[in-house]
Amino acid sequence: MMMRPQTVPENFDGIHSACYAFDLSEPIWLDSNVAEFKRHSKVRFYQDNFIDSIDFSYMEIQVIEED
């Protein structure tokens, strides 16, 4: 089950688009990922967060505020 923090829904369209563009399955949000994202506006997804095998160490997502 994918969990999506309700406070930042616009970010998840970007995650979906990026995963589609790179032919990746979308990561599974665990409670620890949600907590990290809420604390730091950044989260890392490792192999355990993906159903399919990944060819990289981790995927990091960070919210960068524009001025």
PDB file of N, CA and C in Angstrom:
ATOM      1  N   MET A   1       0.838  -1.170   0.000  1.00  0.00           N
ATOM      2  CA  MET A   1       0.000   0.000   0.000  1.00  0.00           C
ATOM      3  C   MET A   1       0.886   1.236   0.000  1.00  0.00           C
ATOM      4  N   MET A   2       0.640   2.160  -0.920  1.00  0.00           N
ATOM      5  CA  MET A   2       1.408   3.384  -1.001  1.00  0.00           C
ATOM      6  C   MET A   2       0.772   4.436  -0.100  1.00  0.00           C
ATOM      7  N   MET A   3       1.591   5.029   0.747  1.00  0.00           N
ATOM      8  CA  MET A   3       1.092   6.079   1.625  1.00  0.00           C
ATOM      9  C   MET A   3       1.582   7.417   1.096  1.00  0.00           C
ATOM     10  N   ARG A   4       0.708   8.384   1.037  1.00  0.00           N
ATOM     11  CA  ARG A   4       1.060   9.695   0.525  1.00  0.00           C
ATOM     12  C   ARG A   4       0.724  10.752   1.555  1.00  0.00           C
ATOM     13  N   PRO A   5       1.737  11.498   2.013  1.00  0.00           N
ATOM     14  CA  PRO A   5       1.419  12.576   2.950  1.00  0.00           C
ATOM     15  C   PRO A   5       0.459  13.562   2.309  1.00  0.00           C
ATOM     16  N   GLN A   6      -0.567  13.949   3.024  1.00  0.00           N
ATOM     17  CA  GLN A   6      -1.595  14.821   2.476  1.00  0.00           C
ATOM     18  C   GLN A   6      -1.134  16.262   2.330  1.00  0.00           C
ATOM     19  N   THR A   7      -0.042  16.639   2.974  1.00  0.00           N
ATOM     20  CA  THR A   7       0.377  18.034   2.986  1.00  0.00           C
ATOM     21  C   THR A   7       1.068  18.471   1.704  1.00  0.00           C
ATOM     22  N   VAL A   8       1.563  17.544   0.887  1.00  0.00           N
ATOM     23  CA  VAL A   8       2.321  17.915  -0.303  1.00  0.00           C
ATOM     24  C   VAL A   8       1.896  17.110  -1.533  1.00  0.00           C
ATOM     25  N   PRO A   9       0.639  17.120  -1.907  1.00  0.00           N
ATOM     26  CA  PRO A   9       0.194  16.268  -3.014  1.00  0.00           C
ATOM     27  C   PRO A   9       0.827  16.621  -4.351  1.00  0.00           C
ATOM     28  N   GLU A  10       1.215  17.877  -4.567  1.00  0.00           N
ATOM     29  CA  GLU A  10       1.803  18.258  -5.854  1.00  0.00           C
ATOM     30  C   GLU A  10       3.129  17.559  -6.112  1.00  0.00           C
ATOM     31  N   ASN A  11       3.840  17.154  -5.081  1.00  0.00           N
ATOM     32  CA  ASN A  11       5.126  16.485  -5.248  1.00  0.00           C
ATOM     33  C   ASN A  11       4.976  15.091  -5.833  1.00  0.00           C
ATOM     34  N   PHE A  12       3.841  14.458  -5.618  1.00  0.00           N
ATOM     35  CA  PHE A  12       3.694  13.088  -6.040  1.00  0.00           C
ATOM     36  C   PHE A  12       3.440  12.964  -7.527  1.00  0.00           C
ATOM     37  N   ASP A  13       2.916  13.992  -8.159  1.00  0.00           N
ATOM     38  CA  ASP A  13       2.807  13.976  -9.612  1.00  0.00           C
ATOM     39  C   ASP A  13       4.203  13.946 -10.220  1.00  0.00           C
ATOM     40  N   GLY A  14       5.118  14.678  -9.620  1.00  0.00           N
ATOM     41  CA  GLY A  14       6.506  14.701 -10.086  1.00  0.00           C
ATOM     42  C   GLY A  14       7.190  13.356  -9.914  1.00  0.00           C
ATOM     43  N   ILE A  15       6.934  12.700  -8.797  1.00  0.00           N
ATOM     44  CA  ILE A  15       7.507  11.370  -8.569  1.00  0.00           C
ATOM     45  C   ILE A  15       6.972  10.392  -9.602  1.00  0.00           C
ATOM     46  N   HIS A  16       5.684  10.434  -9.828  1.00  0.00           N
ATOM     47  CA  HIS A  16       5.068   9.555 -10.836  1.00  0.00           C
ATOM     48  C   HIS A  16       5.677   9.810 -12.215  1.00  0.00           C
ATOM     49  N   SER A  17       5.801  11.071 -12.587  1.00  0.00           N
ATOM     50  CA  SER A  17       6.357  11.423 -13.905  1.00  0.00           C
ATOM     51  C   SER A  17       7.807  10.977 -14.035  1.00  0.00           C
ATOM     52  N   ALA A  18       8.597  11.190 -12.984  1.00  0.00           N
ATOM     53  CA  ALA A  18      10.012  10.791 -13.021  1.00  0.00           C
ATOM     54  C   ALA A  18      10.141   9.273 -13.136  1.00  0.00           C
ATOM     55  N   CYS A  19       9.363   8.548 -12.364  1.00  0.00           N
ATOM     56  CA  CYS A  19       9.423   7.090 -12.427  1.00  0.00           C
ATOM     57  C   CYS A  19       9.002   6.578 -13.806  1.00  0.00           C
ATOM     58  N   TYR A  20       7.986   7.194 -14.373  1.00  0.00           N
ATOM     59  CA  TYR A  20       7.539   6.811 -15.705  1.00  0.00           C
ATOM     60  C   TYR A  20       8.640   7.092 -16.739  1.00  0.00           C
ATOM     61  N   ALA A  21       9.254   8.276 -16.656  1.00  0.00           N
ATOM     62  CA  ALA A  21      10.288   8.656 -17.624  1.00  0.00           C
ATOM     63  C   ALA A  21      11.505   7.728 -17.565  1.00  0.00           C
ATOM     64  N   PHE A  22      11.842   7.248 -16.369  1.00  0.00           N
ATOM     65  CA  PHE A  22      13.004   6.381 -16.205  1.00  0.00           C
ATOM     66  C   PHE A  22      12.628   4.903 -16.146  1.00  0.00           C
ATOM     67  N   ASP A  23      11.368   4.592 -16.458  1.00  0.00           N
ATOM     68  CA  ASP A  23      10.877   3.214 -16.479  1.00  0.00           C
ATOM     69  C   ASP A  23      11.125   2.500 -15.144  1.00  0.00           C
ATOM     70  N   LEU A  24      10.776   3.180 -14.045  1.00  0.00           N
ATOM     71  CA  LEU A  24      10.915   2.627 -12.705  1.00  0.00           C
ATOM     72  C   LEU A  24       9.540   2.404 -12.097  1.00  0.00           C
ATOM     73  N   SER A  25       9.457   1.408 -11.240  1.00  0.00           N
ATOM     74  CA  SER A  25       8.230   1.292 -10.462  1.00  0.00           C
ATOM     75  C   SER A  25       8.241   2.401  -9.414  1.00  0.00           C
ATOM     76  N   GLU A  26       7.069   2.841  -9.001  1.00  0.00           N
ATOM     77  CA  GLU A  26       7.023   3.886  -7.985  1.00  0.00           C
ATOM     78  C   GLU A  26       7.395   3.285  -6.633  1.00  0.00           C
ATOM     79  N   PRO A  27       8.118   4.043  -5.808  1.00  0.00           N
ATOM     80  CA  PRO A  27       8.511   3.514  -4.504  1.00  0.00           C
ATOM     81  C   PRO A  27       7.314   3.367  -3.574  1.00  0.00           C
ATOM     82  N   ILE A  28       7.444   2.450  -2.656  1.00  0.00           N
ATOM     83  CA  ILE A  28       6.430   2.222  -1.640  1.00  0.00           C
ATOM     84  C   ILE A  28       6.780   3.100  -0.441  1.00  0.00           C
ATOM     85  N   TRP A  29       5.817   3.910  -0.019  1.00  0.00           N
ATOM     86  CA  TRP A  29       6.020   4.807   1.126  1.00  0.00           C
ATOM     87  C   TRP A  29       5.756   4.055   2.419  1.00  0.00           C
ATOM     88  N   LEU A  30       6.799   3.858   3.210  1.00  0.00           N
ATOM     89  CA  LEU A  30       6.657   3.273   4.538  1.00  0.00           C
ATOM     90  C   LEU A  30       6.472   4.406   5.545  1.00  0.00           C
ATOM     91  N   ASP A  31       6.035   4.064   6.737  1.00  0.00           N
ATOM     92  CA  ASP A  31       5.851   5.089   7.769  1.00  0.00           C
ATOM     93  C   ASP A  31       7.139   5.876   8.015  1.00  0.00           C
ATOM     94  N   SER A  32       8.272   5.188   7.971  1.00  0.00           N
ATOM     95  CA  SER A  32       9.555   5.866   8.189  1.00  0.00           C
ATOM     96  C   SER A  32       9.854   6.866   7.068  1.00  0.00           C
ATOM     97  N   ASN A  33       9.462   6.551   5.834  1.00  0.00           N
ATOM     98  CA  ASN A  33       9.655   7.481   4.720  1.00  0.00           C
ATOM     99  C   ASN A  33       8.796   8.723   4.888  1.00  0.00           C
ATOM    100  N   VAL A  34       7.560   8.513   5.296  1.00  0.00           N
ATOM    101  CA  VAL A  34       6.643   9.632   5.501  1.00  0.00           C
ATOM    102  C   VAL A  34       7.178  10.548   6.595  1.00  0.00           C
ATOM    103  N   ALA A  35       7.637   9.958   7.702  1.00  0.00           N
ATOM    104  CA  ALA A  35       8.166  10.751   8.816  1.00  0.00           C
ATOM    105  C   ALA A  35       9.402  11.537   8.394  1.00  0.00           C
ATOM    106  N   GLU A  36      10.321  10.893   7.654  1.00  0.00           N
ATOM    107  CA  GLU A  36      11.530  11.567   7.181  1.00  0.00           C
ATOM    108  C   GLU A  36      11.170  12.728   6.251  1.00  0.00           C
ATOM    109  N   PHE A  37      10.215  12.490   5.359  1.00  0.00           N
ATOM    110  CA  PHE A  37       9.812  13.517   4.414  1.00  0.00           C
ATOM    111  C   PHE A  37       9.180  14.711   5.123  1.00  0.00           C
ATOM    112  N   LYS A  38       8.362  14.436   6.121  1.00  0.00           N
ATOM    113  CA  LYS A  38       7.730  15.519   6.873  1.00  0.00           C
ATOM    114  C   LYS A  38       8.749  16.320   7.674  1.00  0.00           C
ATOM    115  N   ARG A  39       9.767  15.658   8.213  1.00  0.00           N
ATOM    116  CA  ARG A  39      10.789  16.344   9.015  1.00  0.00           C
ATOM    117  C   ARG A  39      11.754  17.172   8.180  1.00  0.00           C
ATOM    118  N   HIS A  40      12.199  16.618   7.051  1.00  0.00           N
ATOM    119  CA  HIS A  40      13.306  17.215   6.304  1.00  0.00           C
ATOM    120  C   HIS A  40      12.955  17.676   4.893  1.00  0.00           C
ATOM    121  N   SER A  41      11.736  17.453   4.442  1.00  0.00           N
ATOM    122  CA  SER A  41      11.339  17.722   3.053  1.00  0.00           C
ATOM    123  C   SER A  41      12.248  16.975   2.080  1.00  0.00           C
ATOM    124  N   LYS A  42      12.722  15.823   2.542  1.00  0.00           N
ATOM    125  CA  LYS A  42      13.615  14.995   1.741  1.00  0.00           C
ATOM    126  C   LYS A  42      13.433  13.549   2.197  1.00  0.00           C
ATOM    127  N   VAL A  43      13.550  12.629   1.253  1.00  0.00           N
ATOM    128  CA  VAL A  43      13.416  11.215   1.594  1.00  0.00           C
ATOM    129  C   VAL A  43      14.262  10.385   0.629  1.00  0.00           C
ATOM    130  N   ARG A  44      14.793   9.298   1.138  1.00  0.00           N
ATOM    131  CA  ARG A  44      15.531   8.344   0.305  1.00  0.00           C
ATOM    132  C   ARG A  44      14.768   7.031   0.261  1.00  0.00           C
ATOM    133  N   PHE A  45      14.707   6.464  -0.939  1.00  0.00           N
ATOM    134  CA  PHE A  45      14.072   5.161  -1.140  1.00  0.00           C
ATOM    135  C   PHE A  45      15.155   4.171  -1.552  1.00  0.00           C
ATOM    136  N   TYR A  46      15.234   3.066  -0.835  1.00  0.00           N
ATOM    137  CA  TYR A  46      16.217   2.023  -1.107  1.00  0.00           C
ATOM    138  C   TYR A  46      15.523   0.834  -1.771  1.00  0.00           C
ATOM    139  N   GLN A  47      16.268  -0.210  -2.060  1.00  0.00           N
ATOM    140  CA  GLN A  47      15.719  -1.391  -2.732  1.00  0.00           C
ATOM    141  C   GLN A  47      14.463  -1.905  -2.041  1.00  0.00           C
ATOM    142  N   ASP A  48      14.427  -1.851  -0.726  1.00  0.00           N
ATOM    143  CA  ASP A  48      13.265  -2.350   0.015  1.00  0.00           C
ATOM    144  C   ASP A  48      11.988  -1.577  -0.292  1.00  0.00           C
ATOM    145  N   ASN A  49      12.114  -0.371  -0.840  1.00  0.00           N
ATOM    146  CA  ASN A  49      10.947   0.445  -1.153  1.00  0.00           C
ATOM    147  C   ASN A  49      10.403   0.186  -2.551  1.00  0.00           C
ATOM    148  N   PHE A  50      11.075  -0.649  -3.319  1.00  0.00           N
ATOM    149  CA  PHE A  50      10.657  -0.933  -4.693  1.00  0.00           C
ATOM    150  C   PHE A  50      10.277  -2.398  -4.839  1.00  0.00           C
ATOM    151  N   ILE A  51       9.262  -2.645  -5.628  1.00  0.00           N
ATOM    152  CA  ILE A  51       8.865  -4.029  -5.907  1.00  0.00           C
ATOM    153  C   ILE A  51       9.857  -4.646  -6.874  1.00  0.00           C
ATOM    154  N   ASP A  52      10.229  -3.889  -7.904  1.00  0.00           N
ATOM    155  CA  ASP A  52      11.187  -4.373  -8.898  1.00  0.00           C
ATOM    156  C   ASP A  52      12.613  -4.101  -8.419  1.00  0.00           C
ATOM    157  N   SER A  53      13.558  -4.802  -9.011  1.00  0.00           N
ATOM    158  CA  SER A  53      14.969  -4.569  -8.710  1.00  0.00           C
ATOM    159  C   SER A  53      15.387  -3.218  -9.279  1.00  0.00           C
ATOM    160  N   ILE A  54      16.257  -2.509  -8.567  1.00  0.00           N
ATOM    161  CA  ILE A  54      16.755  -1.220  -9.051  1.00  0.00           C
ATOM    162  C   ILE A  54      18.254  -1.322  -9.302  1.00  0.00           C
ATOM    163  N   ASP A  55      18.758  -0.522 -10.246  1.00  0.00           N
ATOM    164  CA  ASP A  55      20.171  -0.558 -10.623  1.00  0.00           C
ATOM    165  C   ASP A  55      20.946   0.602 -10.024  1.00  0.00           C
ATOM    166  N   PHE A  56      20.513   1.094  -8.883  1.00  0.00           N
ATOM    167  CA  PHE A  56      21.180   2.202  -8.210  1.00  0.00           C
ATOM    168  C   PHE A  56      21.043   1.998  -6.710  1.00  0.00           C
ATOM    169  N   SER A  57      21.809   2.732  -5.933  1.00  0.00           N
ATOM    170  CA  SER A  57      21.826   2.541  -4.483  1.00  0.00           C
ATOM    171  C   SER A  57      20.545   3.029  -3.823  1.00  0.00           C
ATOM    172  N   TYR A  58      20.089   4.199  -4.229  1.00  0.00           N
ATOM    173  CA  TYR A  58      18.863   4.766  -3.672  1.00  0.00           C
ATOM    174  C   TYR A  58      18.350   5.873  -4.567  1.00  0.00           C
ATOM    175  N   MET A  59      17.079   6.212  -4.387  1.00  0.00           N
ATOM    176  CA  MET A  59      16.482   7.350  -5.072  1.00  0.00           C
ATOM    177  C   MET A  59      16.148   8.372  -3.991  1.00  0.00           C
ATOM    178  N   GLU A  60      16.630   9.583  -4.172  1.00  0.00           N
ATOM    179  CA  GLU A  60      16.381  10.637  -3.192  1.00  0.00           C
ATOM    180  C   GLU A  60      15.471  11.695  -3.797  1.00  0.00           C
ATOM    181  N   ILE A  61      14.495  12.099  -3.015  1.00  0.00           N
ATOM    182  CA  ILE A  61      13.565  13.142  -3.437  1.00  0.00           C
ATOM    183  C   ILE A  61      13.641  14.256  -2.414  1.00  0.00           C
ATOM    184  N   GLN A  62      13.805  15.478  -2.911  1.00  0.00           N
ATOM    185  CA  GLN A  62      13.886  16.637  -2.028  1.00  0.00           C
ATOM    186  C   GLN A  62      13.035  17.754  -2.595  1.00  0.00           C
ATOM    187  N   VAL A  63      12.277  18.400  -1.721  1.00  0.00           N
ATOM    188  CA  VAL A  63      11.477  19.549  -2.126  1.00  0.00           C
ATOM    189  C   VAL A  63      12.383  20.773  -2.073  1.00  0.00           C
ATOM    190  N   ILE A  64      12.478  21.468  -3.199  1.00  0.00           N
ATOM    191  CA  ILE A  64      13.273  22.700  -3.283  1.00  0.00           C
ATOM    192  C   ILE A  64      12.298  23.840  -3.521  1.00  0.00           C
ATOM    193  N   GLU A  65      12.253  24.730  -2.582  1.00  0.00           N
ATOM    194  CA  GLU A  65      11.344  25.871  -2.675  1.00  0.00           C
ATOM    195  C   GLU A  65      11.905  26.911  -3.630  1.00  0.00           C
ATOM    196  N   GLU A  66      11.052  27.421  -4.501  1.00  0.00           N
ATOM    197  CA  GLU A  66      11.449  28.504  -5.383  1.00  0.00           C
ATOM    198  C   GLU A  66      11.106  29.826  -4.737  1.00  0.00           C
ATOM    199  N   ASP A  67      11.967  30.818  -4.935  1.00  0.00           N
ATOM    200  CA  ASP A  67      11.699  32.149  -4.379  1.00  0.00           C
ATOM    201  C   ASP A  67      10.800  32.951  -5.286  1.00  0.00           C
TER     202      ASP A  67
END
